[in-house]
Amino acid sequence: RHMDPPLTSVRQPIEEMGRTMTRMLLDRIAGERGEAAAVLPNRLVVRESS
């Protein structure tokens, strides 16, 4: 919204990312192996720059 033309970007679920990473960290601290990575949904926001 601040650029001309508006730039295409990727929208990411910031709050869900924080919750997921916190859970993964706490699992590791507790000695659980758990997941090595997390794949979260994201969305491409196509604007005039593409």
PDB file of N, CA and C in Angstrom:
ATOM      1  N   ARG A   1       0.811  -1.203   0.000  1.00  0.00           N
ATOM      2  CA  ARG A   1       0.000   0.000   0.000  1.00  0.00           C
ATOM      3  C   ARG A   1       0.849   1.260   0.000  1.00  0.00           C
ATOM      4  N   HIS A   2       2.148   1.097   0.287  1.00  0.00           N
ATOM      5  CA  HIS A   2       3.037   2.263   0.331  1.00  0.00           C
ATOM      6  C   HIS A   2       3.893   2.387  -0.920  1.00  0.00           C
ATOM      7  N   MET A   3       3.774   1.427  -1.835  1.00  0.00           N
ATOM      8  CA  MET A   3       4.613   1.421  -3.031  1.00  0.00           C
ATOM      9  C   MET A   3       3.756   1.670  -4.270  1.00  0.00           C
ATOM     10  N   ASP A   4       4.393   2.185  -5.309  1.00  0.00           N
ATOM     11  CA  ASP A   4       3.714   2.386  -6.575  1.00  0.00           C
ATOM     12  C   ASP A   4       4.584   1.800  -7.671  1.00  0.00           C
ATOM     13  N   PRO A   5       4.223   0.709  -8.287  1.00  0.00           N
ATOM     14  CA  PRO A   5       2.960  -0.023  -8.144  1.00  0.00           C
ATOM     15  C   PRO A   5       2.960  -0.873  -6.871  1.00  0.00           C
ATOM     16  N   PRO A   6       1.765  -1.229  -6.377  1.00  0.00           N
ATOM     17  CA  PRO A   6       1.684  -2.103  -5.207  1.00  0.00           C
ATOM     18  C   PRO A   6       2.405  -3.425  -5.466  1.00  0.00           C
ATOM     19  N   LEU A   7       3.193  -3.888  -4.494  1.00  0.00           N
ATOM     20  CA  LEU A   7       4.021  -5.077  -4.667  1.00  0.00           C
ATOM     21  C   LEU A   7       3.280  -6.359  -4.300  1.00  0.00           C
ATOM     22  N   THR A   8       3.534  -7.409  -5.078  1.00  0.00           N
ATOM     23  CA  THR A   8       3.035  -8.736  -4.747  1.00  0.00           C
ATOM     24  C   THR A   8       3.767  -9.208  -3.503  1.00  0.00           C
ATOM     25  N   SER A   9       3.062  -9.868  -2.602  1.00  0.00           N
ATOM     26  CA  SER A   9       3.682 -10.316  -1.359  1.00  0.00           C
ATOM     27  C   SER A   9       3.111 -11.668  -0.927  1.00  0.00           C
ATOM     28  N   VAL A  10       3.681 -12.208   0.136  1.00  0.00           N
ATOM     29  CA  VAL A  10       3.210 -13.468   0.711  1.00  0.00           C
ATOM     30  C   VAL A  10       2.674 -13.166   2.100  1.00  0.00           C
ATOM     31  N   ARG A  11       1.444 -13.555   2.338  1.00  0.00           N
ATOM     32  CA  ARG A  11       0.827 -13.362   3.644  1.00  0.00           C
ATOM     33  C   ARG A  11       1.064 -14.607   4.487  1.00  0.00           C
ATOM     34  N   GLN A  12       1.593 -14.420   5.702  1.00  0.00           N
ATOM     35  CA  GLN A  12       1.911 -15.543   6.584  1.00  0.00           C
ATOM     36  C   GLN A  12       1.151 -15.397   7.895  1.00  0.00           C
ATOM     37  N   PRO A  13       0.745 -16.528   8.502  1.00  0.00           N
ATOM     38  CA  PRO A  13      -0.013 -16.484   9.762  1.00  0.00           C
ATOM     39  C   PRO A  13       0.911 -16.249  10.960  1.00  0.00           C
ATOM     40  N   ILE A  14       1.236 -15.000  11.234  1.00  0.00           N
ATOM     41  CA  ILE A  14       2.225 -14.642  12.244  1.00  0.00           C
ATOM     42  C   ILE A  14       1.883 -15.216  13.621  1.00  0.00           C
ATOM     43  N   GLU A  15       0.638 -15.077  14.061  1.00  0.00           N
ATOM     44  CA  GLU A  15       0.269 -15.583  15.386  1.00  0.00           C
ATOM     45  C   GLU A  15       0.394 -17.096  15.453  1.00  0.00           C
ATOM     46  N   GLU A  16      -0.055 -17.785  14.414  1.00  0.00           N
ATOM     47  CA  GLU A  16       0.061 -19.240  14.386  1.00  0.00           C
ATOM     48  C   GLU A  16       1.527 -19.664  14.349  1.00  0.00           C
ATOM     49  N   MET A  17       2.354 -18.901  13.651  1.00  0.00           N
ATOM     50  CA  MET A  17       3.787 -19.203  13.627  1.00  0.00           C
ATOM     51  C   MET A  17       4.370 -19.118  15.039  1.00  0.00           C
ATOM     52  N   GLY A  18       4.010 -18.087  15.782  1.00  0.00           N
ATOM     53  CA  GLY A  18       4.508 -17.921  17.139  1.00  0.00           C
ATOM     54  C   GLY A  18       4.070 -19.054  18.053  1.00  0.00           C
ATOM     55  N   ARG A  19       2.790 -19.422  17.973  1.00  0.00           N
ATOM     56  CA  ARG A  19       2.273 -20.518  18.803  1.00  0.00           C
ATOM     57  C   ARG A  19       2.974 -21.827  18.471  1.00  0.00           C
ATOM     58  N   THR A  20       3.137 -22.102  17.184  1.00  0.00           N
ATOM     59  CA  THR A  20       3.759 -23.350  16.754  1.00  0.00           C
ATOM     60  C   THR A  20       5.217 -23.419  17.194  1.00  0.00           C
ATOM     61  N   MET A  21       5.957 -22.340  16.998  1.00  0.00           N
ATOM     62  CA  MET A  21       7.367 -22.335  17.380  1.00  0.00           C
ATOM     63  C   MET A  21       7.537 -22.432  18.895  1.00  0.00           C
ATOM     64  N   THR A  22       6.650 -21.795  19.651  1.00  0.00           N
ATOM     65  CA  THR A  22       6.715 -21.888  21.115  1.00  0.00           C
ATOM     66  C   THR A  22       6.464 -23.320  21.561  1.00  0.00           C
ATOM     67  N   ARG A  23       5.450 -23.968  20.978  1.00  0.00           N
ATOM     68  CA  ARG A  23       5.152 -25.358  21.330  1.00  0.00           C
ATOM     69  C   ARG A  23       6.336 -26.252  21.004  1.00  0.00           C
ATOM     70  N   MET A  24       6.944 -26.050  19.830  1.00  0.00           N
ATOM     71  CA  MET A  24       8.088 -26.864  19.429  1.00  0.00           C
ATOM     72  C   MET A  24       9.269 -26.646  20.382  1.00  0.00           C
ATOM     73  N   LEU A  25       9.514 -25.411  20.787  1.00  0.00           N
ATOM     74  CA  LEU A  25      10.608 -25.103  21.704  1.00  0.00           C
ATOM     75  C   LEU A  25      10.374 -25.748  23.066  1.00  0.00           C
ATOM     76  N   LEU A  26       9.153 -25.620  23.589  1.00  0.00           N
ATOM     77  CA  LEU A  26       8.844 -26.218  24.883  1.00  0.00           C
ATOM     78  C   LEU A  26       8.958 -27.738  24.837  1.00  0.00           C
ATOM     79  N   ASP A  27       8.561 -28.345  23.718  1.00  0.00           N
ATOM     80  CA  ASP A  27       8.721 -29.791  23.560  1.00  0.00           C
ATOM     81  C   ASP A  27      10.200 -30.167  23.615  1.00  0.00           C
ATOM     82  N   ARG A  28      11.041 -29.407  22.941  1.00  0.00           N
ATOM     83  CA  ARG A  28      12.489 -29.688  22.941  1.00  0.00           C
ATOM     84  C   ARG A  28      13.074 -29.530  24.338  1.00  0.00           C
ATOM     85  N   ILE A  29      12.674 -28.479  25.049  1.00  0.00           N
ATOM     86  CA  ILE A  29      13.172 -28.258  26.411  1.00  0.00           C
ATOM     87  C   ILE A  29      12.770 -29.419  27.311  1.00  0.00           C
ATOM     88  N   ALA A  30      11.567 -29.954  27.080  1.00  0.00           N
ATOM     89  CA  ALA A  30      11.071 -31.078  27.883  1.00  0.00           C
ATOM     90  C   ALA A  30      11.713 -32.401  27.484  1.00  0.00           C
ATOM     91  N   GLY A  31      12.578 -32.380  26.479  1.00  0.00           N
ATOM     92  CA  GLY A  31      13.289 -33.579  26.067  1.00  0.00           C
ATOM     93  C   GLY A  31      12.592 -34.399  25.009  1.00  0.00           C
ATOM     94  N   GLU A  32      11.483 -33.898  24.487  1.00  0.00           N
ATOM     95  CA  GLU A  32      10.769 -34.607  23.431  1.00  0.00           C
ATOM     96  C   GLU A  32      11.391 -34.263  22.080  1.00  0.00           C
ATOM     97  N   ARG A  33      11.475 -35.257  21.215  1.00  0.00           N
ATOM     98  CA  ARG A  33      12.058 -35.016  19.889  1.00  0.00           C
ATOM     99  C   ARG A  33      11.121 -34.143  19.050  1.00  0.00           C
ATOM    100  N   GLY A  34       9.877 -34.524  18.962  1.00  0.00           N
ATOM    101  CA  GLY A  34       8.890 -33.721  18.235  1.00  0.00           C
ATOM    102  C   GLY A  34       9.245 -33.498  16.782  1.00  0.00           C
ATOM    103  N   GLU A  35       8.612 -32.526  16.217  1.00  0.00           N
ATOM    104  CA  GLU A  35       8.800 -32.187  14.810  1.00  0.00           C
ATOM    105  C   GLU A  35      10.091 -31.397  14.631  1.00  0.00           C
ATOM    106  N   ALA A  36      10.766 -31.607  13.507  1.00  0.00           N
ATOM    107  CA  ALA A  36      11.975 -30.849  13.199  1.00  0.00           C
ATOM    108  C   ALA A  36      11.641 -29.569  12.445  1.00  0.00           C
ATOM    109  N   ALA A  37      10.460 -29.536  11.833  1.00  0.00           N
ATOM    110  CA  ALA A  37      10.048 -28.367  11.057  1.00  0.00           C
ATOM    111  C   ALA A  37       8.535 -28.273  11.059  1.00  0.00           C
ATOM    112  N   ALA A  38       8.030 -27.111  10.717  1.00  0.00           N
ATOM    113  CA  ALA A  38       6.587 -26.908  10.634  1.00  0.00           C
ATOM    114  C   ALA A  38       6.266 -26.255   9.298  1.00  0.00           C
ATOM    115  N   VAL A  39       5.217 -26.735   8.670  1.00  0.00           N
ATOM    116  CA  VAL A  39       4.734 -26.133   7.425  1.00  0.00           C
ATOM    117  C   VAL A  39       3.373 -25.529   7.716  1.00  0.00           C
ATOM    118  N   LEU A  40       3.284 -24.226   7.588  1.00  0.00           N
ATOM    119  CA  LEU A  40       2.039 -23.521   7.870  1.00  0.00           C
ATOM    120  C   LEU A  40       1.470 -22.954   6.579  1.00  0.00           C
ATOM    121  N   PRO A  41       0.164 -22.736   6.558  1.00  0.00           N
ATOM    122  CA  PRO A  41      -0.444 -22.190   5.341  1.00  0.00           C
ATOM    123  C   PRO A  41       0.028 -20.755   5.094  1.00  0.00           C
ATOM    124  N   ASN A  42       0.127 -20.404   3.847  1.00  0.00           N
ATOM    125  CA  ASN A  42       0.438 -19.027   3.479  1.00  0.00           C
ATOM    126  C   ASN A  42      -0.362 -18.690   2.233  1.00  0.00           C
ATOM    127  N   ARG A  43      -0.343 -17.425   1.854  1.00  0.00           N
ATOM    128  CA  ARG A  43      -1.170 -17.003   0.722  1.00  0.00           C
ATOM    129  C   ARG A  43      -0.407 -15.960  -0.096  1.00  0.00           C
ATOM    130  N   LEU A  44      -0.385 -16.165  -1.385  1.00  0.00           N
ATOM    131  CA  LEU A  44       0.227 -15.191  -2.284  1.00  0.00           C
ATOM    132  C   LEU A  44      -0.791 -14.086  -2.558  1.00  0.00           C
ATOM    133  N   VAL A  45      -0.384 -12.843  -2.318  1.00  0.00           N
ATOM    134  CA  VAL A  45      -1.248 -11.697  -2.573  1.00  0.00           C
ATOM    135  C   VAL A  45      -0.708 -11.004  -3.823  1.00  0.00           C
ATOM    136  N   VAL A  46      -1.380 -11.242  -4.935  1.00  0.00           N
ATOM    137  CA  VAL A  46      -0.931 -10.708  -6.224  1.00  0.00           C
ATOM    138  C   VAL A  46      -1.437  -9.269  -6.362  1.00  0.00           C
ATOM    139  N   ARG A  47      -0.477  -8.387  -6.651  1.00  0.00           N
ATOM    140  CA  ARG A  47      -0.815  -6.980  -6.866  1.00  0.00           C
ATOM    141  C   ARG A  47      -0.265  -6.532  -8.221  1.00  0.00           C
ATOM    142  N   GLU A  48      -0.200  -5.285  -8.457  1.00  0.00           N
ATOM    143  CA  GLU A  48       0.152  -4.757  -9.775  1.00  0.00           C
ATOM    144  C   GLU A  48       1.601  -4.983 -10.195  1.00  0.00           C
ATOM    145  N   SER A  49       2.479  -5.352  -9.281  1.00  0.00           N
ATOM    146  CA  SER A  49       3.896  -5.500  -9.634  1.00  0.00           C
ATOM    147  C   SER A  49       4.198  -6.800 -10.358  1.00  0.00           C
ATOM    148  N   SER A  50       3.250  -7.725 -10.407  1.00  0.00           N
ATOM    149  CA  SER A  50       3.537  -9.011 -11.075  1.00  0.00           C
ATOM    150  C   SER A  50       2.919  -9.075 -12.443  1.00  0.00           C
TER     151      SER A  50
END
